[in-house]
């Protein structure tokens, strides 16, 4: 069920070429998504993802939060959002800031869905 929902979300993004922008940036469970590239989080205790597509990335994280809501609890949320954030940061370190960051994060969500369904 989880995997099907994540795959449907991925397919809709691939077909349309985008995701609707969120009204707000995601902040929670140790993950902060921002479009302010001058923000530094050294030793801040959270994972900061700076992106020109921060509102689209936030919309994706909110959508994944809804899909995984039955599997995320007060402890697992840190691993869940941490893995999504690390996938985004890893992609951004190796590529210019493009909308393909969404697919990199979705690929990590697919891996998590498979792990949870096993």
N, C-alpha and C. Protein backbone atom coordinates (compact mmCIF):
# COMPACT_ATOMS: atom_id res chain seq x y z
N UNK A 1 0.81 -1.20 0.00
CA UNK A 1 0.00 0.00 0.00
C UNK A 1 0.86 1.28 0.00
N UNK A 2 1.83 1.34 0.93
CA UNK A 2 2.73 2.50 0.98
C UNK A 2 3.47 2.67 -0.34
N UNK A 3 4.04 1.57 -0.80
CA UNK A 3 4.83 1.63 -2.03
C UNK A 3 3.97 2.10 -3.20
N UNK A 4 2.75 1.61 -3.29
CA UNK A 4 1.85 2.04 -4.37
C UNK A 4 1.59 3.54 -4.32
N UNK A 5 1.37 4.06 -3.13
CA UNK A 5 1.09 5.49 -2.98
C UNK A 5 2.31 6.34 -3.35
N UNK A 6 3.49 5.91 -2.92
CA UNK A 6 4.70 6.66 -3.25
C UNK A 6 4.96 6.60 -4.76
N UNK A 7 4.75 5.44 -5.35
CA UNK A 7 4.95 5.30 -6.79
C UNK A 7 3.95 6.16 -7.57
N UNK A 8 2.71 6.24 -7.10
CA UNK A 8 1.71 7.11 -7.75
C UNK A 8 2.14 8.57 -7.67
N UNK A 9 2.64 8.98 -6.52
CA UNK A 9 3.11 10.35 -6.35
C UNK A 9 4.27 10.62 -7.29
N UNK A 10 5.22 9.68 -7.37
CA UNK A 10 6.37 9.84 -8.26
C UNK A 10 5.91 9.95 -9.72
N UNK A 11 4.98 9.09 -10.10
CA UNK A 11 4.48 9.10 -11.48
C UNK A 11 3.80 10.43 -11.81
N UNK A 12 3.02 10.96 -10.87
CA UNK A 12 2.34 12.23 -11.12
C UNK A 12 3.33 13.38 -11.27
N UNK A 13 4.43 13.33 -10.49
CA UNK A 13 5.45 14.38 -10.60
C UNK A 13 6.20 14.25 -11.92
N UNK A 14 6.52 13.03 -12.32
CA UNK A 14 7.22 12.82 -13.58
C UNK A 14 6.35 13.27 -14.75
N UNK A 15 5.06 12.93 -14.71
CA UNK A 15 4.16 13.31 -15.82
C UNK A 15 3.98 14.82 -15.92
N UNK A 16 3.78 15.46 -14.78
CA UNK A 16 3.52 16.90 -14.80
C UNK A 16 4.80 17.72 -14.83
N UNK A 17 5.90 17.11 -14.41
CA UNK A 17 7.17 17.82 -14.39
C UNK A 17 7.37 18.69 -13.17
N UNK A 18 6.43 18.64 -12.22
CA UNK A 18 6.55 19.48 -11.03
C UNK A 18 5.58 18.99 -9.95
N UNK A 19 5.67 19.62 -8.82
CA UNK A 19 4.73 19.42 -7.73
C UNK A 19 4.28 20.80 -7.30
N UNK A 20 3.05 20.91 -6.86
CA UNK A 20 2.53 22.19 -6.39
C UNK A 20 3.38 22.68 -5.22
N UNK A 21 3.68 23.95 -5.20
CA UNK A 21 4.47 24.53 -4.11
C UNK A 21 3.67 24.55 -2.82
N UNK A 22 4.38 24.34 -1.73
CA UNK A 22 3.79 24.44 -0.40
C UNK A 22 3.67 25.92 -0.04
N UNK A 23 2.72 26.23 0.82
CA UNK A 23 2.58 27.60 1.32
C UNK A 23 3.63 27.91 2.38
N UNK A 24 4.19 26.85 2.98
CA UNK A 24 5.19 27.05 4.02
C UNK A 24 6.33 26.07 3.84
N UNK A 25 7.45 26.40 4.44
CA UNK A 25 8.62 25.54 4.38
C UNK A 25 8.54 24.52 5.50
N UNK A 26 9.04 23.31 5.24
CA UNK A 26 9.00 22.25 6.24
C UNK A 26 10.05 22.47 7.31
N UNK A 27 9.61 22.34 8.56
CA UNK A 27 10.51 22.39 9.71
C UNK A 27 9.95 21.43 10.74
N UNK A 28 10.73 20.44 11.11
CA UNK A 28 10.29 19.53 12.14
C UNK A 28 11.12 18.27 12.19
N UNK A 29 11.11 17.61 13.34
CA UNK A 29 11.79 16.33 13.54
C UNK A 29 13.24 16.37 13.09
N UNK A 30 13.92 17.48 13.36
CA UNK A 30 15.33 17.58 13.04
C UNK A 30 15.65 17.96 11.61
N UNK A 31 14.64 18.29 10.82
CA UNK A 31 14.84 18.68 9.42
C UNK A 31 14.29 20.08 9.19
N UNK A 32 15.09 20.93 8.56
CA UNK A 32 14.67 22.28 8.20
C UNK A 32 14.98 22.47 6.71
N UNK A 33 13.96 22.80 5.94
CA UNK A 33 14.12 23.07 4.51
C UNK A 33 13.99 24.57 4.32
N UNK A 34 14.94 25.17 3.64
CA UNK A 34 14.93 26.62 3.46
C UNK A 34 15.44 27.01 2.08
N UNK A 35 15.09 28.20 1.67
CA UNK A 35 15.60 28.75 0.42
C UNK A 35 16.62 29.84 0.69
N UNK A 36 17.06 29.97 1.91
CA UNK A 36 18.04 30.98 2.28
C UNK A 36 19.41 30.33 2.31
N UNK A 37 20.15 30.49 1.23
CA UNK A 37 21.44 29.80 1.11
C UNK A 37 22.50 30.34 2.05
N UNK A 38 22.25 31.48 2.68
CA UNK A 38 23.25 32.04 3.59
C UNK A 38 23.07 31.53 5.02
N UNK A 39 22.12 30.65 5.26
CA UNK A 39 21.91 30.10 6.59
C UNK A 39 22.94 29.00 6.83
N UNK A 40 23.53 29.00 8.00
CA UNK A 40 24.52 28.00 8.35
C UNK A 40 24.02 27.25 9.58
N UNK A 41 24.15 25.93 9.58
CA UNK A 41 23.63 25.15 10.70
C UNK A 41 24.70 24.32 11.39
N UNK A 42 25.94 24.73 11.31
CA UNK A 42 26.98 23.95 11.97
C UNK A 42 26.65 23.81 13.44
N UNK A 43 26.64 22.56 13.89
CA UNK A 43 26.37 22.23 15.30
C UNK A 43 25.03 22.76 15.80
N UNK A 44 24.06 22.92 14.90
CA UNK A 44 22.76 23.46 15.31
C UNK A 44 21.83 22.36 15.80
N UNK A 45 22.17 21.11 15.57
CA UNK A 45 21.32 20.02 16.05
C UNK A 45 20.20 19.64 15.10
N UNK A 46 20.21 20.18 13.91
CA UNK A 46 19.21 19.80 12.92
C UNK A 46 19.87 19.73 11.55
N UNK A 47 19.18 19.07 10.64
CA UNK A 47 19.66 18.91 9.27
C UNK A 47 19.03 20.02 8.42
N UNK A 48 19.86 20.86 7.85
CA UNK A 48 19.40 21.98 7.05
C UNK A 48 19.58 21.66 5.57
N UNK A 49 18.51 21.82 4.80
CA UNK A 49 18.56 21.63 3.35
C UNK A 49 18.23 22.97 2.71
N UNK A 50 19.23 23.56 2.05
CA UNK A 50 19.05 24.81 1.32
C UNK A 50 18.80 24.50 -0.14
N UNK A 51 17.71 25.03 -0.70
CA UNK A 51 17.41 24.74 -2.10
C UNK A 51 16.61 25.88 -2.70
N UNK A 52 16.88 26.14 -3.98
CA UNK A 52 16.05 27.11 -4.70
C UNK A 52 14.64 26.57 -4.89
N UNK A 53 14.47 25.27 -4.70
CA UNK A 53 13.16 24.62 -4.84
C UNK A 53 12.62 24.20 -3.47
N UNK A 54 12.89 25.02 -2.46
CA UNK A 54 12.52 24.67 -1.08
C UNK A 54 11.01 24.51 -0.91
N UNK A 55 10.21 25.31 -1.59
CA UNK A 55 8.75 25.20 -1.43
C UNK A 55 8.20 23.95 -2.10
N UNK A 56 8.80 23.55 -3.22
CA UNK A 56 8.40 22.31 -3.88
C UNK A 56 8.85 21.11 -3.05
N UNK A 57 10.08 21.18 -2.53
CA UNK A 57 10.61 20.11 -1.69
C UNK A 57 9.78 19.97 -0.41
N UNK A 58 9.39 21.09 0.17
CA UNK A 58 8.53 21.05 1.36
C UNK A 58 7.18 20.42 1.04
N UNK A 59 6.62 20.76 -0.11
CA UNK A 59 5.33 20.15 -0.50
C UNK A 59 5.48 18.63 -0.62
N UNK A 60 6.59 18.19 -1.17
CA UNK A 60 6.84 16.75 -1.29
C UNK A 60 6.96 16.10 0.08
N UNK A 61 7.70 16.71 0.98
CA UNK A 61 7.86 16.14 2.33
C UNK A 61 6.51 16.10 3.04
N UNK A 62 5.69 17.14 2.90
CA UNK A 62 4.36 17.12 3.50
C UNK A 62 3.51 16.00 2.91
N UNK A 63 3.61 15.78 1.60
CA UNK A 63 2.84 14.70 0.94
C UNK A 63 3.32 13.34 1.44
N UNK A 64 4.63 13.17 1.59
CA UNK A 64 5.16 11.90 2.10
C UNK A 64 4.78 11.70 3.57
N UNK A 65 4.72 12.78 4.31
CA UNK A 65 4.27 12.71 5.71
C UNK A 65 2.86 12.13 5.76
N UNK A 66 2.00 12.57 4.88
CA UNK A 66 0.63 12.04 4.84
C UNK A 66 0.61 10.57 4.46
N UNK A 67 1.40 10.19 3.47
CA UNK A 67 1.42 8.81 3.01
C UNK A 67 1.93 7.87 4.11
N UNK A 68 2.97 8.28 4.81
CA UNK A 68 3.61 7.43 5.83
C UNK A 68 3.05 7.65 7.23
N UNK A 69 2.02 8.44 7.39
CA UNK A 69 1.55 8.85 8.71
C UNK A 69 1.25 7.68 9.66
N UNK A 70 0.74 6.58 9.14
CA UNK A 70 0.42 5.44 10.00
C UNK A 70 1.67 4.70 10.46
N UNK A 71 2.81 4.95 9.83
CA UNK A 71 4.05 4.25 10.17
C UNK A 71 5.04 5.12 10.94
N UNK A 72 4.77 6.42 11.02
CA UNK A 72 5.70 7.34 11.69
C UNK A 72 5.21 7.59 13.11
N UNK A 73 6.09 7.38 14.09
CA UNK A 73 5.73 7.70 15.46
C UNK A 73 6.75 8.69 16.03
N UNK A 74 6.67 8.95 17.32
CA UNK A 74 7.50 9.98 17.92
C UNK A 74 8.99 9.67 17.87
N UNK A 75 9.36 8.40 17.70
CA UNK A 75 10.77 8.04 17.57
C UNK A 75 11.19 7.90 16.11
N UNK A 76 10.39 7.22 15.32
CA UNK A 76 10.78 6.94 13.93
C UNK A 76 10.75 8.18 13.05
N UNK A 77 10.08 9.24 13.48
CA UNK A 77 10.02 10.44 12.64
C UNK A 77 11.40 11.05 12.41
N UNK A 78 12.30 10.90 13.36
CA UNK A 78 13.64 11.45 13.19
C UNK A 78 14.42 10.70 12.10
N UNK A 79 14.26 9.39 12.06
CA UNK A 79 14.91 8.63 11.00
C UNK A 79 14.25 8.92 9.66
N UNK A 80 12.91 8.96 9.64
CA UNK A 80 12.16 9.20 8.40
C UNK A 80 12.56 10.53 7.76
N UNK A 81 12.42 11.63 8.50
CA UNK A 81 12.75 12.94 7.95
C UNK A 81 14.25 13.10 7.73
N UNK A 82 15.05 12.48 8.57
CA UNK A 82 16.50 12.52 8.39
C UNK A 82 16.93 11.88 7.09
N UNK A 83 16.34 10.74 6.78
CA UNK A 83 16.69 10.07 5.52
C UNK A 83 16.26 10.88 4.31
N UNK A 84 15.07 11.49 4.39
CA UNK A 84 14.62 12.34 3.28
C UNK A 84 15.56 13.54 3.12
N UNK A 85 15.92 14.16 4.24
CA UNK A 85 16.81 15.32 4.20
C UNK A 85 18.21 14.97 3.70
N UNK A 86 18.74 13.83 4.16
CA UNK A 86 20.07 13.42 3.69
C UNK A 86 20.06 13.09 2.20
N UNK A 87 18.96 12.50 1.72
CA UNK A 87 18.84 12.23 0.28
C UNK A 87 18.88 13.54 -0.50
N UNK A 88 18.18 14.54 0.00
CA UNK A 88 18.17 15.85 -0.67
C UNK A 88 19.56 16.48 -0.64
N UNK A 89 20.21 16.48 0.52
CA UNK A 89 21.54 17.08 0.64
C UNK A 89 22.56 16.37 -0.23
N UNK A 90 22.52 15.05 -0.25
CA UNK A 90 23.45 14.28 -1.08
C UNK A 90 23.26 14.63 -2.54
N UNK A 91 22.01 14.72 -2.97
CA UNK A 91 21.75 15.09 -4.36
C UNK A 91 22.30 16.48 -4.65
N UNK A 92 22.03 17.43 -3.78
CA UNK A 92 22.45 18.82 -4.00
C UNK A 92 23.98 18.97 -4.01
N UNK A 93 24.69 18.12 -3.26
CA UNK A 93 26.15 18.20 -3.24
C UNK A 93 26.75 17.80 -4.59
N UNK A 94 26.05 16.94 -5.33
CA UNK A 94 26.59 16.42 -6.58
C UNK A 94 25.97 17.02 -7.83
N UNK A 95 24.94 17.82 -7.68
CA UNK A 95 24.20 18.35 -8.83
C UNK A 95 23.81 19.79 -8.59
N UNK A 96 23.65 20.54 -9.66
CA UNK A 96 23.10 21.88 -9.50
C UNK A 96 21.69 21.78 -8.93
N UNK A 97 21.22 22.84 -8.34
CA UNK A 97 19.90 22.84 -7.73
C UNK A 97 18.83 22.78 -8.81
N UNK A 98 18.33 21.58 -9.07
CA UNK A 98 17.29 21.40 -10.08
C UNK A 98 16.08 20.73 -9.45
N UNK A 99 15.00 20.69 -10.20
CA UNK A 99 13.79 20.03 -9.70
C UNK A 99 13.97 18.52 -9.58
N UNK A 100 15.05 17.98 -10.13
CA UNK A 100 15.30 16.54 -10.00
C UNK A 100 15.56 16.13 -8.56
N UNK A 101 15.78 17.11 -7.69
CA UNK A 101 15.93 16.81 -6.27
C UNK A 101 14.69 16.07 -5.75
N UNK A 102 13.53 16.38 -6.30
CA UNK A 102 12.30 15.73 -5.86
C UNK A 102 12.36 14.23 -6.13
N UNK A 103 12.90 13.85 -7.28
CA UNK A 103 12.99 12.44 -7.62
C UNK A 103 14.00 11.73 -6.71
N UNK A 104 15.07 12.40 -6.33
CA UNK A 104 16.05 11.81 -5.42
C UNK A 104 15.41 11.52 -4.07
N UNK A 105 14.61 12.44 -3.59
CA UNK A 105 13.92 12.25 -2.31
C UNK A 105 12.87 11.15 -2.44
N UNK A 106 12.16 11.14 -3.55
CA UNK A 106 11.17 10.08 -3.78
C UNK A 106 11.82 8.71 -3.86
N UNK A 107 13.00 8.62 -4.44
CA UNK A 107 13.70 7.34 -4.50
C UNK A 107 13.99 6.82 -3.09
N UNK A 108 14.38 7.71 -2.19
CA UNK A 108 14.61 7.30 -0.79
C UNK A 108 13.30 6.89 -0.13
N UNK A 109 12.22 7.58 -0.43
CA UNK A 109 10.91 7.21 0.12
C UNK A 109 10.48 5.83 -0.38
N UNK A 110 10.81 5.51 -1.62
CA UNK A 110 10.50 4.19 -2.18
C UNK A 110 11.26 3.11 -1.42
N UNK A 111 12.54 3.37 -1.14
CA UNK A 111 13.33 2.42 -0.37
C UNK A 111 12.71 2.21 1.01
N UNK A 112 12.31 3.28 1.66
CA UNK A 112 11.70 3.16 3.00
C UNK A 112 10.38 2.41 2.93
N UNK A 113 9.58 2.68 1.91
CA UNK A 113 8.29 1.98 1.78
C UNK A 113 8.53 0.48 1.62
N UNK A 114 9.51 0.11 0.82
CA UNK A 114 9.83 -1.31 0.65
C UNK A 114 10.28 -1.94 1.95
N UNK A 115 11.10 -1.23 2.71
CA UNK A 115 11.56 -1.75 4.01
C UNK A 115 10.40 -1.96 4.97
N UNK A 116 9.47 -1.03 4.98
CA UNK A 116 8.34 -1.13 5.90
C UNK A 116 7.33 -2.21 5.48
N UNK A 117 7.27 -2.48 4.21
CA UNK A 117 6.31 -3.48 3.73
C UNK A 117 6.85 -4.90 3.78
N UNK A 118 8.15 -5.05 4.04
CA UNK A 118 8.73 -6.39 4.13
C UNK A 118 8.38 -7.04 5.44
